[in-house]
Amino acid sequence: MDFPKLPPHSGSVLSVVDMHTGGEPLRIILSGYPEVKGDTILAKRRYVREHLDHLRKVLMFEPRGHYDMYGALLVRNVSVSVPGYGSITVDISYGGALYAFVSAEKFGLDVSKSKTRDLVDAATAVSDAVKSQVKLYHPVSEDLAFLYGTILTDGKDAYSEEPTANVCVFADAQVDRSPTGSGVTARIALQYHKGLIGLNQTRSFQSGATGSVFTGTAKEETMCGDFKAVVVEVKGHAHYSGVASFTQESDDPLSGGFLLR
């Protein structure tokens, strides 16, 4: 985004973009804001309130703003040190589970063309880094405050009618064959948070593994604890693949099942 050249001045420069949703104004801070310290969103909020509230007044009060002005300082970006790759910036978003999001290009990979093993290795390295370096928080239940996996994307987060692809590597390095329902929910929430998609806009999400497609739509704003959130509608297709009957014989020592990796 190109900004007009400013005349000579003294002091720091805060770059913002102004938007509105249905007439409700929103000023999003792009650059020039000091580092916000804290391991959680609530800790960052507390730090801003205690140390940087003067900048809120600069941007929200007249003559730059007004009494009903709303501002947003984007922080859900987190930098982690990933062995073999250095410092990597990821987004963390919740859609039924917490995921780390990062473009596969940062690892020299393509979610639709690279070998699955390479994608799994990169995603697992990110998950391990986030789990060891970032304190996660859920406003409703501490039981949900854990990273379920990493979703590598094609980096195409800006709204488009063309599908955006991703691969989800979750739990014990398992690969989702679908675009991942909870992952689509989290990506829509993240894109809405960044102002990249509006309410009732629908995006298509393609699995880099199989090419299958889900759609996601931000339906309405809501609250999750003290956090602004969005209700997301996800759609996809399911198909029958067979019918079976399973039995357990009393003298079968392996009837309970086992796993080999």
Protein backbone atom coordinates (compact mmCIF):
# COMPACT_ATOMS: atom_id res chain seq x y z
CA MET A 1 0.00 0.00 0.00
CA ASP A 2 1.46 3.36 -1.05
CA PHE A 3 1.10 6.37 1.25
CA PRO A 4 1.40 10.03 0.22
CA LYS A 5 4.69 11.73 1.08
CA LEU A 6 4.54 13.70 4.32
CA PRO A 7 5.89 17.25 4.68
CA PRO A 8 8.90 17.81 6.98
CA HIS A 9 7.94 17.21 10.62
CA SER A 10 9.32 16.21 13.97
CA GLY A 11 8.33 13.19 16.03
CA SER A 12 7.41 9.61 15.24
CA VAL A 13 5.01 8.51 12.50
CA LEU A 14 2.13 6.09 13.07
CA SER A 15 0.81 4.60 9.83
CA VAL A 16 -2.82 3.46 9.86
CA VAL A 17 -5.58 2.41 7.50
CA ASP A 18 -9.17 3.50 8.14
CA MET A 19 -12.07 1.17 7.33
CA HIS A 20 -15.71 0.75 8.24
CA THR A 21 -18.11 -2.18 8.47
CA GLY A 22 -21.69 -1.14 7.83
CA GLY A 23 -20.76 2.39 8.88
CA GLU A 24 -18.88 1.41 12.06
CA PRO A 25 -15.42 3.06 11.84
CA LEU A 26 -12.22 1.14 12.49
CA ARG A 27 -8.63 2.44 12.46
CA ILE A 28 -6.05 -0.33 12.05
CA ILE A 29 -2.46 0.45 13.04
CA LEU A 30 0.00 -0.71 10.39
CA SER A 31 3.40 0.51 11.58
CA GLY A 32 5.24 2.87 13.90
CA TYR A 33 3.80 1.42 17.09
CA PRO A 34 6.27 0.38 19.83
CA GLU A 35 6.81 -3.27 20.71
CA VAL A 36 3.97 -4.66 22.81
CA LYS A 37 5.28 -6.97 25.52
CA GLY A 38 3.43 -9.92 27.02
CA ASP A 39 3.02 -13.67 26.57
CA THR A 40 -0.78 -13.58 26.12
CA ILE A 41 -3.32 -11.25 24.55
CA LEU A 42 -4.50 -10.17 28.00
CA ALA A 43 -0.91 -9.47 29.06
CA LYS A 44 -0.35 -7.40 25.91
CA ARG A 45 -3.57 -5.52 26.54
CA ARG A 46 -2.46 -4.77 30.10
CA TYR A 47 0.97 -3.59 28.88
CA VAL A 48 -0.60 -1.23 26.33
CA ARG A 49 -2.98 0.18 28.93
CA GLU A 50 -0.19 0.78 31.45
CA HIS A 51 2.59 1.99 29.14
CA LEU A 52 1.18 3.12 25.78
CA ASP A 53 -2.22 4.62 26.52
CA HIS A 54 -0.98 8.02 25.33
CA LEU A 55 -0.82 6.61 21.80
CA ARG A 56 -4.42 5.43 22.04
CA LYS A 57 -5.41 9.01 22.80
CA VAL A 58 -3.31 10.32 19.90
CA LEU A 59 -5.06 8.03 17.42
CA MET A 60 -8.57 7.84 18.86
CA PHE A 61 -9.18 11.33 20.28
CA GLU A 62 -9.89 14.46 18.27
CA PRO A 63 -8.59 15.95 16.05
CA ARG A 64 -7.51 12.61 14.50
CA GLY A 65 -10.46 10.62 15.77
CA HIS A 66 -13.70 11.17 17.67
CA TYR A 67 -15.72 9.96 20.65
CA ASP A 68 -17.05 6.84 18.88
CA MET A 69 -13.76 5.91 17.19
CA TYR A 70 -12.66 2.24 17.27
CA GLY A 71 -9.05 1.14 16.86
CA ALA A 72 -7.26 -2.14 16.30
CA LEU A 73 -3.66 -3.08 17.05
CA LEU A 74 -2.79 -6.38 15.37
CA VAL A 75 -0.54 -8.59 17.50
CA ARG A 76 -2.11 -12.50 16.78
CA ASN A 77 1.60 -12.48 14.53
CA VAL A 78 4.16 -14.37 16.69
CA SER A 79 7.85 -14.91 15.94
CA VAL A 80 9.39 -18.23 16.92
CA SER A 81 12.84 -19.66 16.44
CA VAL A 82 12.57 -22.78 14.25
CA PRO A 83 15.69 -24.98 14.12
CA GLY A 84 17.14 -24.99 10.62
CA TYR A 85 15.01 -22.03 9.49
CA GLY A 86 15.72 -19.22 11.96
CA SER A 87 13.06 -16.76 13.11
CA ILE A 88 9.67 -17.47 11.54
CA THR A 89 6.58 -15.29 11.99
CA VAL A 90 3.34 -17.23 12.37
CA ASP A 91 -0.30 -16.44 13.08
CA ILE A 92 -2.19 -18.32 15.78
CA SER A 93 -5.95 -18.63 15.46
CA TYR A 94 -8.75 -20.69 17.01
CA GLY A 95 -11.57 -22.42 15.14
CA GLY A 96 -12.44 -25.31 17.42
CA ALA A 97 -8.73 -25.89 18.06
CA LEU A 98 -5.68 -23.62 18.12
CA TYR A 99 -3.51 -23.72 15.01
CA ALA A 100 -0.34 -21.98 13.89
CA PHE A 101 -0.54 -20.62 10.34
CA VAL A 102 2.45 -19.94 8.12
CA SER A 103 3.06 -19.75 4.39
CA ALA A 104 4.85 -22.83 3.01
CA GLU A 105 6.95 -20.47 0.87
CA LYS A 106 8.92 -19.51 3.98
CA PHE A 107 10.34 -23.06 3.88
CA GLY A 108 10.76 -23.15 0.11
CA LEU A 109 7.76 -25.46 -0.19
CA ASP A 110 4.50 -25.62 -2.14
CA VAL A 111 1.44 -27.05 -0.35
CA SER A 112 0.17 -28.64 -3.56
CA LYS A 113 3.42 -29.87 -5.13
CA SER A 114 6.01 -30.55 -2.43
CA LYS A 115 6.53 -34.00 -0.95
CA THR A 116 4.24 -34.73 1.97
CA ARG A 117 7.23 -35.72 4.11
CA ASP A 118 8.84 -32.31 3.60
CA LEU A 119 5.60 -30.52 4.47
CA VAL A 120 5.18 -32.65 7.60
CA ASP A 121 8.76 -31.96 8.72
CA ALA A 122 8.35 -28.18 8.31
CA ALA A 123 4.95 -28.07 10.02
CA THR A 124 6.14 -30.27 12.88
CA ALA A 125 9.17 -28.02 13.42
CA VAL A 126 6.83 -25.01 13.68
CA SER A 127 4.49 -26.81 16.08
CA ASP A 128 7.39 -27.83 18.31
CA ALA A 129 8.73 -24.25 18.32
CA VAL A 130 5.36 -22.71 19.19
CA LYS A 131 4.69 -25.25 21.95
CA SER A 132 8.06 -24.54 23.57
CA GLN A 133 8.21 -20.76 23.07
CA VAL A 134 4.66 -19.38 23.14
CA LYS A 135 2.23 -19.41 26.06
CA LEU A 136 -1.23 -20.04 24.61
CA TYR A 137 -4.46 -18.86 26.14
CA HIS A 138 -8.16 -19.61 25.64
CA PRO A 139 -10.64 -17.17 27.19
CA VAL A 140 -13.25 -19.80 28.09
CA SER A 141 -11.45 -23.07 28.89
CA GLU A 142 -7.85 -23.77 29.85
CA ASP A 143 -8.37 -27.28 28.47
CA LEU A 144 -8.42 -25.74 24.98
CA ALA A 145 -5.24 -23.69 25.48
CA PHE A 146 -2.94 -25.98 23.51
CA LEU A 147 -1.67 -26.05 19.93
CA TYR A 148 -3.37 -28.79 17.93
CA GLY A 149 -1.20 -28.40 14.85
CA THR A 150 0.31 -26.21 12.15
CA ILE A 151 -1.39 -25.35 8.88
CA LEU A 152 0.88 -24.51 5.97
CA THR A 153 -0.80 -22.22 3.43
CA ASP A 154 -0.14 -20.95 -0.08
CA GLY A 155 0.02 -17.43 1.37
CA LYS A 156 -3.04 -16.25 -0.55
CA ASP A 157 -4.91 -14.70 2.37
CA ALA A 158 -6.34 -11.65 0.57
CA TYR A 159 -9.91 -12.23 -0.61
CA SER A 160 -10.28 -13.84 -4.01
CA GLU A 161 -12.86 -15.96 -5.79
CA GLU A 162 -10.06 -18.44 -6.51
CA PRO A 163 -9.44 -21.19 -3.90
CA THR A 164 -6.59 -20.85 -1.43
CA ALA A 165 -4.76 -24.07 -0.57
CA ASN A 166 -3.43 -25.40 2.72
CA VAL A 167 -2.19 -28.56 4.42
CA CYS A 168 -2.91 -29.28 8.08
CA VAL A 169 -0.41 -31.32 10.11
CA PHE A 170 -1.97 -32.04 13.49
CA ALA A 171 -1.67 -34.11 16.67
CA ASP A 172 1.16 -36.66 16.24
CA ALA A 173 2.29 -35.40 12.81
CA GLN A 174 -0.90 -36.61 11.15
CA VAL A 175 -1.91 -35.09 7.80
CA ASP A 176 -5.51 -34.07 7.18
CA ARG A 177 -6.63 -35.17 3.72
CA SER A 178 -9.38 -32.54 3.68
CA PRO A 179 -9.00 -28.74 3.88
CA THR A 180 -9.69 -29.17 7.65
CA GLY A 181 -13.03 -27.87 8.95
CA SER A 182 -11.69 -26.34 12.15
CA GLY A 183 -8.71 -25.03 10.18
CA VAL A 184 -11.00 -23.31 7.66
CA THR A 185 -12.90 -21.79 10.58
CA ALA A 186 -9.65 -20.50 12.08
CA ARG A 187 -8.40 -19.14 8.71
CA ILE A 188 -11.67 -17.27 8.12
CA ALA A 189 -11.49 -15.83 11.66
CA LEU A 190 -7.90 -14.76 11.04
CA GLN A 191 -8.69 -13.18 7.66
CA TYR A 192 -11.70 -11.37 9.13
CA HIS A 193 -9.55 -10.11 12.01
CA LYS A 194 -7.04 -8.70 9.51
CA GLY A 195 -9.74 -7.02 7.44
CA LEU A 196 -9.12 -9.31 4.46
CA ILE A 197 -12.68 -10.66 4.29
CA GLY A 198 -16.05 -9.20 5.21
CA LEU A 199 -19.23 -10.62 6.68
CA ASN A 200 -21.10 -12.95 4.31
CA GLN A 201 -18.16 -13.21 1.92
CA THR A 202 -17.41 -16.83 1.06
CA ARG A 203 -13.95 -18.22 0.34
CA SER A 204 -12.97 -21.60 -1.04
CA PHE A 205 -10.23 -23.61 0.67
CA GLN A 206 -8.49 -26.43 -1.16
CA SER A 207 -6.60 -29.33 0.37
CA GLY A 208 -3.03 -29.35 -0.86
CA ALA A 209 -3.03 -33.10 -0.23
CA THR A 210 -6.09 -34.18 -2.24
CA GLY A 211 -7.51 -31.12 -3.99
CA SER A 212 -10.86 -31.41 -2.14
CA VAL A 213 -12.60 -28.12 -1.39
CA PHE A 214 -14.47 -26.63 1.58
CA THR A 215 -16.02 -23.18 1.71
CA GLY A 216 -16.00 -20.83 4.68
CA THR A 217 -18.12 -17.75 5.39
CA ALA A 218 -17.89 -15.20 8.20
CA LYS A 219 -21.55 -14.92 9.25
CA GLU A 220 -21.66 -12.59 12.26
CA GLU A 221 -19.56 -11.00 14.95
CA THR A 222 -19.75 -12.33 18.49
CA MET A 223 -17.71 -12.48 21.69
CA CYS A 224 -15.60 -15.28 23.14
CA GLY A 225 -14.89 -14.30 26.71
CA ASP A 226 -13.43 -10.79 26.48
CA PHE A 227 -12.37 -11.27 22.86
CA LYS A 228 -14.13 -10.17 19.70
CA ALA A 229 -14.83 -13.22 17.55
CA VAL A 230 -16.76 -14.25 14.46
CA VAL A 231 -19.24 -17.04 13.75
CA VAL A 232 -18.06 -19.05 10.74
CA GLU A 233 -20.07 -21.34 8.47
CA VAL A 234 -18.13 -24.17 6.81
CA LYS A 235 -19.51 -26.30 3.98
CA GLY A 236 -18.23 -29.40 2.22
CA HIS A 237 -19.40 -32.67 0.68
CA ALA A 238 -19.36 -36.18 2.16
CA HIS A 239 -19.64 -39.37 0.11
CA TYR A 240 -20.26 -42.99 1.02
CA SER A 241 -17.21 -45.22 0.55
CA GLY A 242 -18.48 -48.57 1.83
CA VAL A 243 -20.43 -50.59 4.40
CA ALA A 244 -18.81 -53.09 6.81
CA SER A 245 -19.51 -55.26 9.86
CA PHE A 246 -16.79 -55.76 12.49
CA THR A 247 -16.66 -58.50 15.10
CA GLN A 248 -14.46 -59.42 18.09
CA GLU A 249 -13.86 -63.10 18.78
CA SER A 250 -13.30 -64.03 22.40
CA ASP A 251 -10.15 -66.08 21.70
CA ASP A 252 -8.49 -63.42 19.48
CA PRO A 253 -5.60 -61.86 21.45
CA LEU A 254 -5.38 -59.00 18.94
CA SER A 255 -9.09 -58.14 18.79
CA GLY A 256 -8.53 -54.93 20.76
CA GLY A 257 -6.37 -53.52 17.95
CA PHE A 258 -2.77 -52.32 17.68
CA LEU A 259 -0.73 -49.77 15.77
CA LEU A 260 2.54 -49.86 13.81
CA ARG A 261 4.29 -46.66 12.71
